[in-house]
Amino acid sequence: MIDKNKISDFLSKIKEKIKSINSWTNIKISSKEKIIFLEQLSNLLNSWIPIINSLKIMNYQTKDKKIKKIIEIFLKNINKWLSIEEIVKLFPKIFNQFDISIIKMWEVTWKLWESIDLIKEKEEKTKELKWKIIWALIYPIVIVILSISMIVVFMVYVIPKVQKMYKDSKVNLPSLTQHVIDTSKFLQNNIWYILLVIFIFVVLLILFKTNKKTKIYWDKFMVNIPIFWILIRKKILALFAWNLWILLDRWVIINQALEISSQTLENDYYQKEINKIISWISTWKELSTMMWINEIQSWKENKYFPIELSSVIKIWEQTWNLPKLLQKIANKYKKEIDNIIKNLSTAIEPIVIIWVWIIVWILIMAIMLPFFNMVNVI
């Protein structure tokens, strides 16, 4: 006998889950939308328009339903006398710990627009560096996909016709041609299975990189991926140095600044490494020592925290001038990323062209070689 109470409880749990999924606390907007939202709010606040009036003006101007919903929630909670810090905490998928800390600092000084400007600037830098990495990776990925697509089309549609032609002419096929024909037959017979395997692999990869338990392994792989690891690490370190500079320049204590900065990196492996450092310095060990450089002359380097960053920390421990040094090193990393992308594009292009040329040459030779054996048939 089925227990109706259990079924009712089960259905109520499902309903609650669906409600939580659709809840406004799960609203997520793109980085571009967030920057536009912050820029509009900052401009209005800078014009000395009260925040309630600013939000009402934005609500009237915007056509985006999600932004309208966010503004409505802001207005509703401001009327309940909640602080801006408390309100932004209601949107964990939009505002991170860095945003909350900056708002908290400036809200007490009645200079909220300054915190909005800083958050906007951070978002712009993050987006800029992210897209630079994507554009560096997108060229070789597109070329590889196009090459594979060309090979598949060639194997499935062209080679069968060539095979039929040579079969009718009774020509002895060279081993290269025979291998290409065998590969073509395999693709024709198993194309849907291959596509299914690729689809399953992509789904599993997405689940692997988004799952909380396995994401750290994906993030570790990304900072060690061949050729591109330098670019990815520089991007992470540039954001880390920039965020740390902002927080320390606003008199946030080093432990808290490190923790907040690590949470904005979107890389769990680096976050784990920084958390180790935080736990060590809480036992009164030097930060530079925990970044694997005991002395400025030792040249002992950690591959995840390069010597120039450790050296800056070492200098700070003697001069107490870390924020300015971090700003300089963040700008240095940004310039290095620009140079790496330019050099990477220049280096990858001939490699990709040679790879495509070799594949095309093999296919052409596989088709043309039997012609040389036709003399024996004649």
Protein backbone atom coordinates (compact mmCIF):
# COMPACT_ATOMS: atom_id res chain seq x y z
CA MET A 1 0.00 0.00 0.00
CA ILE A 2 1.41 3.39 -1.00
CA ASP A 3 1.70 5.90 1.81
CA LYS A 4 -0.11 9.06 0.64
CA ASN A 5 1.66 11.19 3.25
CA LYS A 6 5.07 10.20 1.89
CA ILE A 7 3.97 11.04 -1.65
CA SER A 8 2.63 14.38 -0.47
CA ASP A 9 5.91 15.16 1.34
CA PHE A 10 7.89 14.15 -1.71
CA LEU A 11 5.82 16.38 -4.01
CA SER A 12 6.07 19.32 -1.60
CA LYS A 13 9.86 18.94 -1.54
CA ILE A 14 9.94 18.98 -5.34
CA LYS A 15 7.80 22.14 -5.37
CA GLU A 16 10.13 23.80 -2.86
CA LYS A 17 13.12 22.83 -4.97
CA ILE A 18 11.51 24.30 -8.10
CA LYS A 19 10.67 27.48 -6.20
CA SER A 20 14.25 27.77 -4.98
CA ILE A 21 15.55 27.31 -8.53
CA ASN A 22 13.24 30.03 -9.81
CA SER A 23 13.83 32.23 -6.78
CA TRP A 24 15.16 35.76 -7.33
CA THR A 25 18.16 34.79 -5.16
CA ASN A 26 19.28 32.63 -8.09
CA ILE A 27 19.08 35.47 -10.61
CA LYS A 28 22.24 35.54 -12.70
CA ILE A 29 23.23 38.21 -15.18
CA SER A 30 26.14 38.41 -17.59
CA SER A 31 29.29 40.38 -16.85
CA LYS A 32 28.29 42.91 -19.53
CA GLU A 33 24.84 43.43 -17.92
CA LYS A 34 26.44 43.83 -14.50
CA ILE A 35 28.87 46.46 -15.80
CA ILE A 36 26.03 48.42 -17.46
CA PHE A 37 23.94 48.22 -14.27
CA LEU A 38 26.84 49.46 -12.11
CA GLU A 39 27.81 52.18 -14.58
CA GLN A 40 24.27 53.61 -14.71
CA LEU A 41 23.94 53.52 -10.92
CA SER A 42 27.36 55.13 -10.44
CA ASN A 43 26.58 57.95 -12.90
CA LEU A 44 23.31 58.75 -11.12
CA LEU A 45 24.85 58.62 -7.64
CA ASN A 46 27.73 60.80 -8.82
CA SER A 47 25.11 63.37 -9.86
CA TRP A 48 23.98 63.49 -6.21
CA ILE A 49 20.68 61.78 -6.96
CA PRO A 50 19.56 59.72 -3.92
CA ILE A 51 19.85 55.98 -4.37
CA ILE A 52 16.08 55.38 -4.29
CA ASN A 53 15.48 57.93 -7.03
CA SER A 54 18.46 56.58 -8.98
CA LEU A 55 17.04 53.06 -8.90
CA LYS A 56 13.58 54.31 -9.92
CA ILE A 57 15.10 56.13 -12.92
CA MET A 58 17.00 52.96 -13.91
CA ASN A 59 13.86 50.87 -13.51
CA TYR A 60 11.99 53.23 -15.85
CA GLN A 61 14.79 53.21 -18.45
CA THR A 62 15.68 49.51 -18.60
CA LYS A 63 13.77 46.92 -20.62
CA ASP A 64 15.66 43.92 -19.25
CA LYS A 65 13.28 41.85 -17.09
CA LYS A 66 16.04 40.49 -14.85
CA ILE A 67 17.49 43.95 -14.20
CA LYS A 68 13.99 45.25 -13.47
CA LYS A 69 13.50 42.43 -10.96
CA ILE A 70 16.84 43.22 -9.28
CA ILE A 71 15.97 46.93 -9.04
CA GLU A 72 12.52 46.14 -7.60
CA ILE A 73 14.11 43.95 -4.91
CA PHE A 74 16.62 46.71 -4.12
CA LEU A 75 13.83 49.27 -3.72
CA LYS A 76 11.66 46.92 -1.67
CA ASN A 77 14.48 46.15 0.78
CA ILE A 78 15.72 49.74 1.01
CA ASN A 79 12.20 50.67 2.12
CA LYS A 80 12.59 48.00 4.81
CA TRP A 81 15.71 49.89 6.02
CA LEU A 82 18.16 47.21 4.88
CA SER A 83 21.66 48.44 4.05
CA ILE A 84 23.06 48.10 0.52
CA GLU A 85 25.53 45.55 1.89
CA GLU A 86 22.65 43.41 3.20
CA ILE A 87 20.76 43.72 -0.08
CA VAL A 88 23.66 42.69 -2.35
CA LYS A 89 24.11 39.59 -0.18
CA LEU A 90 20.69 38.51 -1.45
CA PHE A 91 22.24 38.03 -4.93
CA PRO A 92 25.09 35.53 -4.43
CA LYS A 93 25.30 34.78 -8.17
CA ILE A 94 25.77 38.45 -9.06
CA PHE A 95 27.77 40.03 -6.24
CA ASN A 96 30.75 38.14 -4.79
CA GLN A 97 32.61 38.61 -1.51
CA PHE A 98 34.88 41.28 -3.04
CA ASP A 99 31.84 43.38 -4.06
CA ILE A 100 30.27 43.03 -0.61
CA SER A 101 33.50 44.04 1.16
CA ILE A 102 33.98 47.12 -1.02
CA ILE A 103 30.35 48.23 -0.55
CA LYS A 104 30.63 47.70 3.20
CA MET A 105 33.74 49.91 3.40
CA TRP A 106 32.35 52.81 1.39
CA GLU A 107 28.77 52.66 2.62
CA VAL A 108 29.82 53.80 6.10
CA THR A 109 31.58 56.85 4.59
CA TRP A 110 28.51 57.85 2.52
CA LYS A 111 30.52 57.46 -0.68
CA LEU A 112 28.68 54.53 -2.19
CA TRP A 113 29.41 55.66 -5.75
CA GLU A 114 33.13 55.08 -5.17
CA SER A 115 32.51 51.45 -4.25
CA ILE A 116 30.26 51.04 -7.30
CA ASP A 117 33.04 52.47 -9.50
CA LEU A 118 35.61 50.08 -8.01
CA ILE A 119 33.37 47.04 -8.52
CA LYS A 120 32.65 48.13 -12.10
CA GLU A 121 36.37 48.58 -12.77
CA LYS A 122 37.07 45.13 -11.33
CA GLU A 123 34.37 43.59 -13.55
CA GLU A 124 35.77 45.34 -16.62
CA LYS A 125 39.30 44.11 -15.93
CA THR A 126 38.06 40.57 -15.27
CA LYS A 127 36.02 40.57 -18.48
CA GLU A 128 38.89 42.05 -20.49
CA LEU A 129 41.40 39.45 -19.32
CA LYS A 130 38.88 36.62 -19.74
CA TRP A 131 38.13 37.56 -23.35
CA LYS A 132 41.81 37.93 -24.14
CA ILE A 133 42.34 34.32 -23.03
CA ILE A 134 39.28 33.17 -25.01
CA TRP A 135 40.45 34.90 -28.19
CA ALA A 136 43.92 33.38 -27.76
CA LEU A 137 42.36 29.90 -27.52
CA ILE A 138 39.58 30.32 -30.07
CA TYR A 139 41.82 30.51 -33.17
CA PRO A 140 43.50 27.10 -32.80
CA ILE A 141 40.24 25.49 -31.61
CA VAL A 142 38.32 26.76 -34.68
CA ILE A 143 41.07 25.59 -37.03
CA VAL A 144 41.14 22.12 -35.43
CA ILE A 145 37.32 21.81 -35.59
CA LEU A 146 37.26 22.91 -39.24
CA SER A 147 40.07 20.47 -40.09
CA ILE A 148 38.30 17.55 -38.40
CA SER A 149 35.02 18.49 -40.12
CA MET A 150 36.79 18.60 -43.48
CA ILE A 151 38.36 15.17 -42.88
CA VAL A 152 35.02 13.64 -41.83
CA VAL A 153 33.22 15.03 -44.91
CA PHE A 154 36.05 13.84 -47.13
CA MET A 155 36.01 10.37 -45.59
CA VAL A 156 32.23 9.91 -45.61
CA TYR A 157 31.36 11.39 -49.03
CA VAL A 158 34.46 11.60 -51.24
CA ILE A 159 36.45 8.46 -50.44
CA PRO A 160 33.50 6.03 -51.09
CA LYS A 161 33.19 7.41 -54.66
CA VAL A 162 36.93 7.10 -55.18
CA GLN A 163 36.83 3.54 -53.84
CA LYS A 164 34.03 2.61 -56.28
CA MET A 165 35.99 4.09 -59.17
CA TYR A 166 39.14 2.09 -58.33
CA LYS A 167 37.13 -1.07 -57.68
CA ASP A 168 35.62 -0.90 -61.18
CA SER A 169 39.05 -0.34 -62.72
CA LYS A 170 40.52 -3.32 -60.76
CA VAL A 171 43.61 -1.40 -59.68
CA ASN A 172 45.83 -2.76 -56.89
CA LEU A 173 45.49 -0.27 -54.08
CA PRO A 174 48.58 0.95 -52.19
CA SER A 175 48.59 0.46 -48.42
CA LEU A 176 48.08 4.21 -47.78
CA THR A 177 44.96 4.27 -49.97
CA GLN A 178 43.67 1.06 -48.39
CA HIS A 179 44.11 2.49 -44.89
CA VAL A 180 42.22 5.64 -45.85
CA ILE A 181 39.38 3.54 -47.38
CA ASP A 182 39.21 1.33 -44.25
CA THR A 183 39.01 4.46 -42.09
CA SER A 184 36.27 5.80 -44.35
CA LYS A 185 34.26 2.57 -44.01
CA PHE A 186 34.63 2.68 -40.22
CA LEU A 187 33.36 6.29 -40.12
CA GLN A 188 30.41 5.50 -42.41
CA ASN A 189 29.36 2.50 -40.32
CA ASN A 190 29.86 4.13 -36.93
CA ILE A 191 29.29 7.87 -37.47
CA TRP A 192 26.27 8.04 -35.14
CA TYR A 193 28.05 6.07 -32.43
CA ILE A 194 31.03 8.40 -32.72
CA LEU A 195 28.80 11.48 -32.47
CA LEU A 196 27.06 9.95 -29.44
CA VAL A 197 30.40 9.28 -27.74
CA ILE A 198 31.50 12.88 -28.44
CA PHE A 199 28.21 14.20 -27.04
CA ILE A 200 28.54 12.07 -23.87
CA PHE A 201 32.17 13.16 -23.48
CA VAL A 202 31.21 16.85 -23.73
CA VAL A 203 28.37 16.42 -21.20
CA LEU A 204 30.65 14.58 -18.77
CA LEU A 205 33.33 17.25 -19.21
CA ILE A 206 30.82 20.02 -18.42
CA LEU A 207 29.62 18.11 -15.34
CA PHE A 208 33.23 17.50 -14.27
CA LYS A 209 34.20 21.18 -14.50
CA THR A 210 31.02 22.45 -12.81
CA ASN A 211 30.74 19.91 -9.98
CA LYS A 212 32.02 21.33 -6.68
CA LYS A 213 33.95 18.17 -5.82
CA THR A 214 35.71 17.74 -9.17
CA LYS A 215 36.10 21.40 -10.25
CA ILE A 216 39.39 21.70 -8.36
CA TYR A 217 40.94 18.99 -10.58
CA TRP A 218 39.73 20.77 -13.70
CA ASP A 219 41.15 24.07 -12.44
CA LYS A 220 44.48 22.40 -11.68
CA PHE A 221 44.55 20.96 -15.21
CA MET A 222 43.81 24.42 -16.67
CA VAL A 223 46.80 26.04 -14.94
CA ASN A 224 49.02 23.20 -16.21
CA ILE A 225 47.61 22.83 -19.73
CA PRO A 226 50.45 22.64 -22.30
CA ILE A 227 51.38 25.86 -24.15
CA PHE A 228 48.57 27.93 -22.59
CA TRP A 229 49.45 27.49 -18.89
CA ILE A 230 51.57 30.67 -18.77
CA LEU A 231 48.69 32.74 -20.14
CA ILE A 232 46.11 31.29 -17.74
CA ARG A 233 48.36 31.71 -14.67
CA LYS A 234 49.23 35.30 -15.61
CA LYS A 235 45.52 36.12 -15.89
CA ILE A 236 44.79 34.63 -12.44
CA LEU A 237 47.76 36.39 -10.83
CA ALA A 238 46.91 39.73 -12.48
CA LEU A 239 43.38 39.61 -11.04
CA PHE A 240 44.68 38.41 -7.67
CA ALA A 241 47.25 41.24 -7.45
CA TRP A 242 44.74 43.86 -8.60
CA ASN A 243 42.02 42.76 -6.12
CA LEU A 244 44.56 42.51 -3.29
CA TRP A 245 45.84 46.01 -4.07
CA ILE A 246 42.30 47.47 -3.94
CA LEU A 247 41.54 45.83 -0.59
CA LEU A 248 44.86 46.62 1.11
CA ASP A 249 44.72 50.21 -0.16
CA ARG A 250 41.35 50.46 1.67
CA TRP A 251 42.91 49.22 4.92
CA VAL A 252 41.52 45.67 4.87
CA ILE A 253 43.78 43.40 6.97
CA ILE A 254 46.04 41.06 5.01
CA ASN A 255 44.35 37.78 6.07
CA GLN A 256 40.91 39.02 5.09
CA ALA A 257 42.21 40.66 1.90
CA LEU A 258 43.86 37.39 0.81
CA GLU A 259 40.68 35.42 1.50
CA ILE A 260 38.43 37.84 -0.41
CA SER A 261 40.87 38.05 -3.33
CA SER A 262 41.08 34.26 -3.62
CA GLN A 263 37.26 33.98 -3.78
CA THR A 264 37.13 36.23 -6.85
CA LEU A 265 39.59 34.16 -8.93
CA GLU A 266 37.08 31.52 -10.15
CA ASN A 267 39.87 28.95 -9.84
CA ASP A 268 39.42 26.49 -6.96
CA TYR A 269 43.01 25.21 -7.14
CA TYR A 270 44.52 28.68 -6.67
CA GLN A 271 41.94 29.36 -3.98
CA LYS A 272 43.09 26.21 -2.17
CA GLU A 273 46.75 27.31 -2.43
CA ILE A 274 45.95 30.80 -1.10
CA ASN A 275 43.91 29.31 1.77
CA LYS A 276 47.00 27.28 2.72
CA ILE A 277 49.01 30.49 2.82
CA ILE A 278 46.33 32.19 4.97
CA SER A 279 46.41 29.32 7.47
CA TRP A 280 50.22 29.54 7.65
CA ILE A 281 50.45 33.31 8.14
CA SER A 282 47.81 33.09 10.88
CA THR A 283 50.54 31.23 12.83
CA TRP A 284 52.77 34.34 12.46
CA LYS A 285 54.84 33.04 9.56
CA GLU A 286 56.00 35.52 6.93
CA LEU A 287 53.81 35.76 3.83
CA SER A 288 56.84 35.81 1.52
CA THR A 289 58.19 32.65 3.17
CA MET A 290 54.86 30.94 2.58
CA MET A 291 55.12 31.89 -1.09
CA TRP A 292 58.36 29.89 -1.17
CA ILE A 293 60.99 32.60 -1.07
CA ASN A 294 62.94 32.88 2.17
CA GLU A 295 65.20 35.67 1.02
CA ILE A 296 65.23 37.99 -1.95
CA GLN A 297 68.50 36.40 -3.14
CA SER A 298 67.41 32.76 -2.79
CA TRP A 299 65.64 32.50 -6.18
CA LYS A 300 63.56 29.66 -4.80
CA GLU A 301 60.40 29.77 -6.87
CA ASN A 302 56.91 28.31 -6.63
CA LYS A 303 55.48 27.75 -10.11
CA TYR A 304 52.03 28.98 -8.99
CA PHE A 305 53.37 32.13 -7.30
CA PRO A 306 56.34 33.36 -9.39
CA ILE A 307 59.38 34.98 -7.85
CA GLU A 308 58.45 38.55 -8.84
CA LEU A 309 55.24 38.32 -6.78
CA SER A 310 57.06 36.74 -3.82
CA SER A 311 59.74 39.42 -4.07
CA VAL A 312 57.11 42.17 -3.93
CA ILE A 313 55.70 40.59 -0.76
CA LYS A 314 59.22 40.41 0.72
CA ILE A 315 59.81 44.10 -0.02
CA TRP A 316 56.46 44.99 1.59
CA GLU A 317 57.43 43.17 4.78
CA GLN A 318 60.34 45.58 5.03
CA THR A 319 58.80 48.80 3.64
CA TRP A 320 55.03 48.42 4.32
CA ASN A 321 54.25 49.70 0.83
CA LEU A 322 52.46 46.68 -0.67
CA PRO A 323 49.39 48.29 -2.37
CA LYS A 324 51.45 50.38 -4.82
CA LEU A 325 53.76 47.45 -5.56
CA LEU A 326 50.78 45.18 -6.26
CA GLN A 327 49.28 47.76 -8.60
CA LYS A 328 52.53 47.85 -10.58
CA ILE A 329 52.81 44.07 -10.76
CA ALA A 330 49.15 43.74 -11.83
CA ASN A 331 49.81 46.18 -14.71
CA LYS A 332 53.01 44.26 -15.52
CA TYR A 333 51.08 40.98 -15.77
CA LYS A 334 48.48 42.66 -17.99
CA LYS A 335 51.20 43.83 -20.41
CA GLU A 336 52.77 40.36 -20.37
CA ILE A 337 49.39 38.80 -21.22
CA ASP A 338 49.10 41.13 -24.25
CA ASN A 339 52.59 40.14 -25.42
CA ILE A 340 51.96 36.41 -24.86
CA ILE A 341 48.74 36.55 -26.90
CA LYS A 342 50.51 38.29 -29.78
CA ASN A 343 53.42 35.82 -29.73
CA LEU A 344 51.10 32.83 -29.27
CA SER A 345 49.03 33.75 -32.32
CA THR A 346 52.22 34.19 -34.36
CA ALA A 347 53.63 30.83 -33.17
CA ILE A 348 50.44 28.77 -33.51
CA GLU A 349 49.52 29.93 -37.02
CA PRO A 350 52.39 28.17 -38.90
CA ILE A 351 51.97 25.01 -36.77
CA VAL A 352 48.27 24.82 -37.61
CA ILE A 353 48.92 25.50 -41.31
CA ILE A 354 51.57 22.73 -41.44
CA TRP A 355 49.23 20.30 -39.63
CA VAL A 356 46.38 21.01 -42.10
CA TRP A 357 48.78 20.77 -45.05
CA ILE A 358 50.04 17.33 -43.90
CA ILE A 359 46.47 15.99 -43.60
CA VAL A 360 45.49 17.34 -47.03
CA TRP A 361 48.71 15.90 -48.55
CA ILE A 362 47.98 12.44 -47.10
CA LEU A 363 44.42 12.46 -48.47
CA ILE A 364 45.52 13.66 -51.91
CA MET A 365 48.29 11.06 -52.08
CA ALA A 366 45.86 8.34 -51.01
CA ILE A 367 43.65 9.25 -53.99
CA MET A 368 46.45 9.78 -56.52
CA LEU A 369 48.76 6.82 -55.77
CA PRO A 370 46.52 4.19 -57.46
CA PHE A 371 46.80 6.15 -60.71
CA PHE A 372 50.46 5.15 -60.85
CA ASN A 373 49.41 1.47 -60.74
CA MET A 374 47.00 1.82 -63.66
CA VAL A 375 49.93 1.32 -66.05
CA ASN A 376 50.21 -2.28 -64.83
CA VAL A 377 46.49 -2.86 -65.55
CA ILE A 378 46.76 -1.35 -69.06
